[in-house]
Structure formats: C-alpha cells, structure tokens
C-alpha cells in the first residue's frame, strides 16, 4: 500500500502501478490529510509506504518533510523521498531536502536521477543495509542493464563538483531568487516557494501558448506545461534556472516577460 502525494511525478505513479500496489493519494503537501488517511488505515499504516518529492517538478515547491517524518514516527510506515530535483540543490552538502531538514535517518529510501544536477543518464536508490533485499525482488532492477562507464564517469565528476564547489548552489539560488522577485514585481502569479523551478501560472491554455510563442522571439525558451501534465488543471510556463546563468541573462528573461505586460 502506497500513500502518494497527489502531485507526484508520473514515473512514480507508473512504478506503483507496475508493482501492483494499492495507491492512496493525499492532497498535495497536506500533512494533515496524510495523517487522516494513515489513521483510517489503523494497524495497516505500519506497513504503508509514504512517497513524497524533495522539490516538485512542476510548481517548484518542497514537501513538508519535517511534518511527514513526525507522522511516520507516530503512526509507522516507510518513507521514500524522491530527490530528483533537490539533489545538488538543497542541504549543506547538496544531498537534498532530507539533509536540509535534518531527517535523513528517518527516510528509508532516497531515490533520484542522474539527469538533473549530475548531468548524465540513469538514476539511483539509496537504502539502508536492511533494505538491500529489495534489489533481489525488483523485476525492473534485475532486468535493467548497468549504466555505461561514460555515464558513471560523468556522475562521479559532477559529484566532485557538488562536494567541492558549494558556491555554485548559492549562485543557483541567487539566480532563482532574482528571477522570482523580478517576475513577482511584474505581477505574474508564481508558486509559493522559491526554487530553481520558477513556474509562471497562466489562466488559460490559449494565453499560455501565446506568451510561450512571444517569448521565443527575444531568445527566451521556457517549458509550456498544459493539462493534464500541469497540476490542478492549470497552465504553466516553467522557467528553469541554473548556476551558469549570468545576472544579465536573468535580467533579459525578466525584460522579455515585462514586454508582454506592456
């Protein structure tokens, strides 16, 4: 049985379905709703798996991990945190939201991808020694080929960069804050949390498509996210910043959005 944040990535839903799990959704980032559903399960809650993400890929917000860990401590269950978008971004050493909140010891499995901050292909699952048995019962894992040496070499190089250049994380968040502040001052509707994923919330698909097209002319490319991919039936212009963006480039993005307001 899996208790799954409603805004979890499609790949998580697919994995749960592939495993034949009973899926119970709780409202996005609503720890109280999770607790209510856990309480209803009674003793079954002790065997349930809770799955949340560090940074959610569409709205760029973070899970209320401290509250969720408290629920797990009181009611039981196992906790999986997907740090795909938070690894290399959050935490004192860049290990993700669990490190940032100080609850790594309470997380049973941390999963992530090599394709974001690690600039490669593939993914990882970090488990305690007691959970190693999962490797021998996972059909997709058993029948998946090992990553290529070049992919792993790239991952190792990226890990060294994350470990030795913490200033890149600060630059990343400086860029995210600058873009967020600039768009907010222009009157655009944004997510409630600042992260490298800066989504601009648009009222309609038609308006979103128009703005997306007009941003291309000045050289600004953002991801247009339409329903049903966008959560709660909204349309998003998903901006993604990185540490390599210059201040001038961020200013150019803000100016392009400003032009559309004129």
Protein backbone atom coordinates (compact mmCIF):
# COMPACT_ATOMS: atom_id res chain seq x y z
CA UNK A 1 0.00 0.00 0.00
CA UNK A 2 1.34 3.41 -1.02
CA UNK A 3 0.29 6.82 0.25
CA UNK A 4 1.25 9.15 -2.54
CA UNK A 5 1.28 12.94 -2.81
CA UNK A 6 -1.28 13.83 -5.46
CA UNK A 7 1.25 15.90 -7.44
CA UNK A 8 3.87 13.16 -7.59
CA UNK A 9 5.67 12.65 -10.90
CA UNK A 10 4.05 10.35 -13.45
CA UNK A 11 7.00 7.95 -13.20
CA UNK A 12 6.21 7.38 -9.50
CA UNK A 13 2.58 6.58 -10.30
CA UNK A 14 3.74 4.21 -13.04
CA UNK A 15 6.17 2.44 -10.71
CA UNK A 16 3.49 1.97 -8.06
CA UNK A 17 1.08 0.57 -10.64
CA UNK A 18 3.77 -1.73 -12.05
CA UNK A 19 4.37 -3.07 -8.56
CA UNK A 20 0.68 -3.81 -8.08
CA UNK A 21 0.42 -1.50 -5.07
CA UNK A 22 -2.82 -0.11 -3.72
CA UNK A 23 -2.44 3.66 -4.24
CA UNK A 24 -3.98 6.14 -1.81
CA UNK A 25 -3.49 9.77 -2.80
CA UNK A 26 -3.32 12.58 -0.27
CA UNK A 27 -3.69 16.26 -1.09
CA UNK A 28 -0.53 17.94 -2.33
CA UNK A 29 1.78 18.96 0.52
CA UNK A 30 -1.04 18.45 3.04
CA UNK A 31 0.46 16.60 6.01
CA UNK A 32 -2.86 16.70 7.88
CA UNK A 33 -4.61 14.92 5.02
CA UNK A 34 -1.84 12.31 5.01
CA UNK A 35 -2.29 11.81 8.76
CA UNK A 36 -6.06 11.39 8.41
CA UNK A 37 -5.59 8.70 5.80
CA UNK A 38 -2.93 6.95 7.88
CA UNK A 39 -5.23 6.95 10.93
CA UNK A 40 -8.03 5.38 8.88
CA UNK A 41 -5.70 2.52 7.98
CA UNK A 42 -5.25 1.56 11.62
CA UNK A 43 -2.65 -1.18 12.06
CA UNK A 44 -2.18 -1.37 8.29
CA UNK A 45 -0.46 2.03 8.43
CA UNK A 46 2.62 0.36 9.91
CA UNK A 47 3.24 -1.40 6.59
CA UNK A 48 2.32 1.51 4.32
CA UNK A 49 4.83 3.35 2.13
CA UNK A 50 4.71 7.16 2.05
CA UNK A 51 6.19 8.76 -1.07
CA UNK A 52 6.95 12.47 -1.49
CA UNK A 53 9.31 14.58 -3.58
CA UNK A 54 12.02 16.95 -2.39
CA UNK A 55 11.26 19.66 -4.95
CA UNK A 56 8.17 19.10 -7.08
CA UNK A 57 8.98 19.35 -10.75
CA UNK A 58 6.06 21.50 -11.88
CA UNK A 59 5.44 24.07 -9.14
CA UNK A 60 8.93 24.02 -7.63
CA UNK A 61 7.61 23.73 -4.08
CA UNK A 62 9.00 21.38 -1.41
CA UNK A 63 7.41 18.66 0.70
CA UNK A 64 6.63 19.43 4.38
CA UNK A 65 9.14 16.76 5.25
CA UNK A 66 9.52 17.51 8.97
CA UNK A 67 5.75 17.11 9.47
CA UNK A 68 5.65 13.93 7.39
CA UNK A 69 8.53 12.42 9.37
CA UNK A 70 6.65 13.22 12.60
CA UNK A 71 3.60 11.35 11.27
CA UNK A 72 5.76 8.39 10.33
CA UNK A 73 7.33 8.30 13.79
CA UNK A 74 3.91 8.24 15.46
CA UNK A 75 1.92 6.02 13.10
CA UNK A 76 4.57 3.85 11.45
CA UNK A 77 5.17 3.07 7.81
CA UNK A 78 8.11 3.56 5.47
CA UNK A 79 9.17 6.81 3.81
CA UNK A 80 10.57 7.27 0.30
CA UNK A 81 11.77 10.71 -0.79
CA UNK A 82 12.40 11.44 -4.46
CA UNK A 83 15.25 13.97 -4.51
CA UNK A 84 15.43 14.20 -8.32
CA UNK A 85 15.09 18.00 -8.38
CA UNK A 86 16.56 18.72 -4.93
CA UNK A 87 19.80 16.71 -5.11
CA UNK A 88 22.68 19.09 -5.72
CA UNK A 89 20.42 22.00 -4.79
CA UNK A 90 19.33 21.72 -1.14
CA UNK A 91 21.23 20.81 2.02
CA UNK A 92 24.60 21.79 3.46
CA UNK A 93 26.41 19.41 1.10
CA UNK A 94 23.75 19.26 -1.63
CA UNK A 95 22.26 15.90 -0.71
CA UNK A 96 18.70 17.22 -0.92
CA UNK A 97 15.69 18.15 1.17
CA UNK A 98 16.15 15.37 3.73
CA UNK A 99 19.62 16.71 4.53
CA UNK A 100 18.36 20.30 4.59
CA UNK A 101 15.62 19.41 7.10
CA UNK A 102 17.90 17.11 9.11
CA UNK A 103 15.82 13.94 8.78
CA UNK A 104 17.97 11.67 6.60
CA UNK A 105 17.99 8.97 9.27
CA UNK A 106 14.17 8.87 9.16
CA UNK A 107 13.99 8.32 5.40
CA UNK A 108 14.04 4.65 4.41
CA UNK A 109 14.79 5.11 0.72
CA UNK A 110 16.11 8.14 -1.16
CA UNK A 111 15.78 7.99 -4.93
CA UNK A 112 16.96 10.41 -7.56
CA UNK A 113 18.09 10.86 -11.12
CA UNK A 114 21.43 11.30 -12.81
CA UNK A 115 19.81 13.54 -15.43
CA UNK A 116 19.48 16.81 -13.48
CA UNK A 117 22.36 18.17 -11.35
CA UNK A 118 24.52 15.15 -12.20
CA UNK A 119 24.28 15.81 -15.96
CA UNK A 120 24.11 12.18 -17.04
CA UNK A 121 21.60 9.39 -17.68
CA UNK A 122 20.16 6.92 -15.18
CA UNK A 123 19.17 7.09 -11.55
CA UNK A 124 19.88 5.86 -8.04
CA UNK A 125 18.20 4.48 -4.94
CA UNK A 126 19.94 4.83 -1.57
CA UNK A 127 18.75 2.38 1.08
CA UNK A 128 19.85 1.11 4.46
CA UNK A 129 21.61 -2.24 4.64
CA UNK A 130 18.42 -3.83 5.97
CA UNK A 131 16.57 -2.80 2.79
CA UNK A 132 19.16 -4.30 0.40
CA UNK A 133 16.85 -7.30 -0.07
CA UNK A 134 14.68 -5.09 -2.31
CA UNK A 135 17.31 -5.41 -5.03
CA UNK A 136 16.55 -9.13 -5.35
CA UNK A 137 12.78 -8.71 -5.58
CA UNK A 138 12.65 -5.89 -8.10
CA UNK A 139 11.98 -7.21 -11.59
CA UNK A 140 12.80 -3.87 -13.35
CA UNK A 141 16.08 -3.62 -11.43
CA UNK A 142 17.12 -7.21 -12.14
CA UNK A 143 16.43 -6.94 -15.86
CA UNK A 144 17.91 -3.48 -16.40
CA UNK A 145 21.39 -3.18 -17.90
CA UNK A 146 24.11 -1.44 -15.91
CA UNK A 147 24.88 2.20 -16.78
CA UNK A 148 27.68 2.78 -19.26
CA UNK A 149 31.16 3.71 -17.96
CA UNK A 150 30.89 7.15 -19.58
CA UNK A 151 27.64 7.88 -17.73
CA UNK A 152 29.14 6.87 -14.39
CA UNK A 153 32.29 8.90 -15.07
CA UNK A 154 30.12 11.96 -15.65
CA UNK A 155 28.21 11.29 -12.42
CA UNK A 156 31.44 10.98 -10.43
CA UNK A 157 32.76 14.21 -11.88
CA UNK A 158 29.50 16.00 -11.06
CA UNK A 159 29.55 14.63 -7.51
CA UNK A 160 33.04 16.03 -7.03
CA UNK A 161 31.84 19.41 -8.26
CA UNK A 162 28.87 19.38 -5.88
CA UNK A 163 31.12 18.42 -2.97
CA UNK A 164 33.91 20.90 -3.65
CA UNK A 165 32.08 23.94 -5.06
CA UNK A 166 29.24 24.85 -2.68
CA UNK A 167 29.31 28.37 -4.10
CA UNK A 168 27.53 27.00 -7.18
CA UNK A 169 24.49 26.17 -5.03
CA UNK A 170 24.49 29.71 -3.69
CA UNK A 171 24.75 31.12 -7.23
CA UNK A 172 21.90 28.87 -8.29
CA UNK A 173 19.62 30.11 -5.51
CA UNK A 174 20.68 33.72 -6.13
CA UNK A 175 19.57 33.32 -9.74
CA UNK A 176 16.30 31.68 -8.68
CA UNK A 177 15.57 34.47 -6.20
CA UNK A 178 16.39 37.18 -8.75
CA UNK A 179 14.10 35.69 -11.39
CA UNK A 180 11.31 35.05 -8.89
CA UNK A 181 11.48 38.59 -7.49
CA UNK A 182 11.55 40.13 -10.96
CA UNK A 183 8.52 38.20 -12.21
CA UNK A 184 6.63 38.81 -8.98
CA UNK A 185 7.17 42.58 -9.26
CA UNK A 186 5.72 42.43 -12.77
CA UNK A 187 2.53 40.97 -11.33
CA UNK A 188 2.84 37.40 -12.57
CA UNK A 189 1.31 34.62 -10.47
CA UNK A 190 4.04 32.31 -9.17
CA UNK A 191 4.44 29.33 -6.87
CA UNK A 192 4.58 29.96 -3.13
CA UNK A 193 8.14 28.59 -2.84
CA UNK A 194 11.37 29.79 -4.46
CA UNK A 195 13.47 27.10 -6.12
CA UNK A 196 15.36 26.64 -9.41
CA UNK A 197 11.98 25.70 -10.90
CA UNK A 198 10.13 29.02 -11.31
CA UNK A 199 6.66 28.42 -12.77
CA UNK A 200 4.52 31.25 -14.09
CA UNK A 201 0.87 30.32 -13.63
CA UNK A 202 -1.31 31.27 -16.61
CA UNK A 203 -5.09 31.37 -16.70
CA UNK A 204 -5.77 29.54 -19.95
CA UNK A 205 -4.14 27.24 -22.47
CA UNK A 206 -4.58 29.82 -25.21
CA UNK A 207 -2.91 32.56 -23.18
CA UNK A 208 -0.09 30.24 -22.16
CA UNK A 209 0.58 29.25 -25.77
CA UNK A 210 0.55 32.90 -26.89
CA UNK A 211 3.05 34.01 -24.24
CA UNK A 212 5.27 30.98 -24.88
CA UNK A 213 5.46 31.83 -28.59
CA UNK A 214 6.15 35.52 -27.97
CA UNK A 215 8.99 34.73 -25.54
CA UNK A 216 10.84 32.78 -28.23
CA UNK A 217 11.42 35.90 -30.38
CA UNK A 218 13.73 37.61 -27.82
CA UNK A 219 15.51 34.28 -27.27
CA UNK A 220 13.76 33.08 -24.11
CA UNK A 221 12.72 29.43 -24.10
CA UNK A 222 10.55 28.11 -21.27
CA UNK A 223 8.64 24.86 -20.98
CA UNK A 224 4.94 25.18 -21.76
CA UNK A 225 3.07 22.80 -19.45
CA UNK A 226 -0.54 22.14 -20.42
CA UNK A 227 -3.22 19.99 -18.76
CA UNK A 228 -3.20 17.15 -17.92
CA UNK A 229 0.56 17.41 -17.31
CA UNK A 230 0.09 20.60 -15.27
CA UNK A 231 -1.35 20.07 -11.76
CA UNK A 232 -4.92 21.03 -10.90
CA UNK A 233 -5.83 21.84 -14.50
CA UNK A 234 -3.69 24.97 -14.75
CA UNK A 235 -1.29 26.10 -17.49
CA UNK A 236 2.34 26.77 -16.59
CA UNK A 237 5.29 28.50 -18.19
CA UNK A 238 8.02 26.59 -16.40
CA UNK A 239 11.27 28.53 -16.13
CA UNK A 240 14.36 26.61 -15.02
CA UNK A 241 17.49 28.42 -13.89
CA UNK A 242 20.97 27.07 -13.27
CA UNK A 243 24.22 28.31 -11.77
CA UNK A 244 25.67 29.06 -15.21
CA UNK A 245 23.11 31.75 -15.98
CA UNK A 246 24.56 35.24 -15.68
CA UNK A 247 22.82 38.15 -13.99
CA UNK A 248 22.45 39.75 -17.41
CA UNK A 249 20.70 36.67 -18.78
CA UNK A 250 18.25 36.60 -15.88
CA UNK A 251 17.58 40.31 -16.43
CA UNK A 252 16.91 39.59 -20.11
CA UNK A 253 14.34 36.94 -19.16
CA UNK A 254 12.61 39.39 -16.81
CA UNK A 255 12.63 42.07 -19.51
CA UNK A 256 11.07 39.67 -22.02
CA UNK A 257 8.22 38.96 -19.60
CA UNK A 258 7.93 42.70 -18.88
CA UNK A 259 7.47 43.45 -22.59
CA UNK A 260 4.43 41.16 -22.63
CA UNK A 261 2.85 43.25 -19.89
CA UNK A 262 3.02 46.44 -21.96
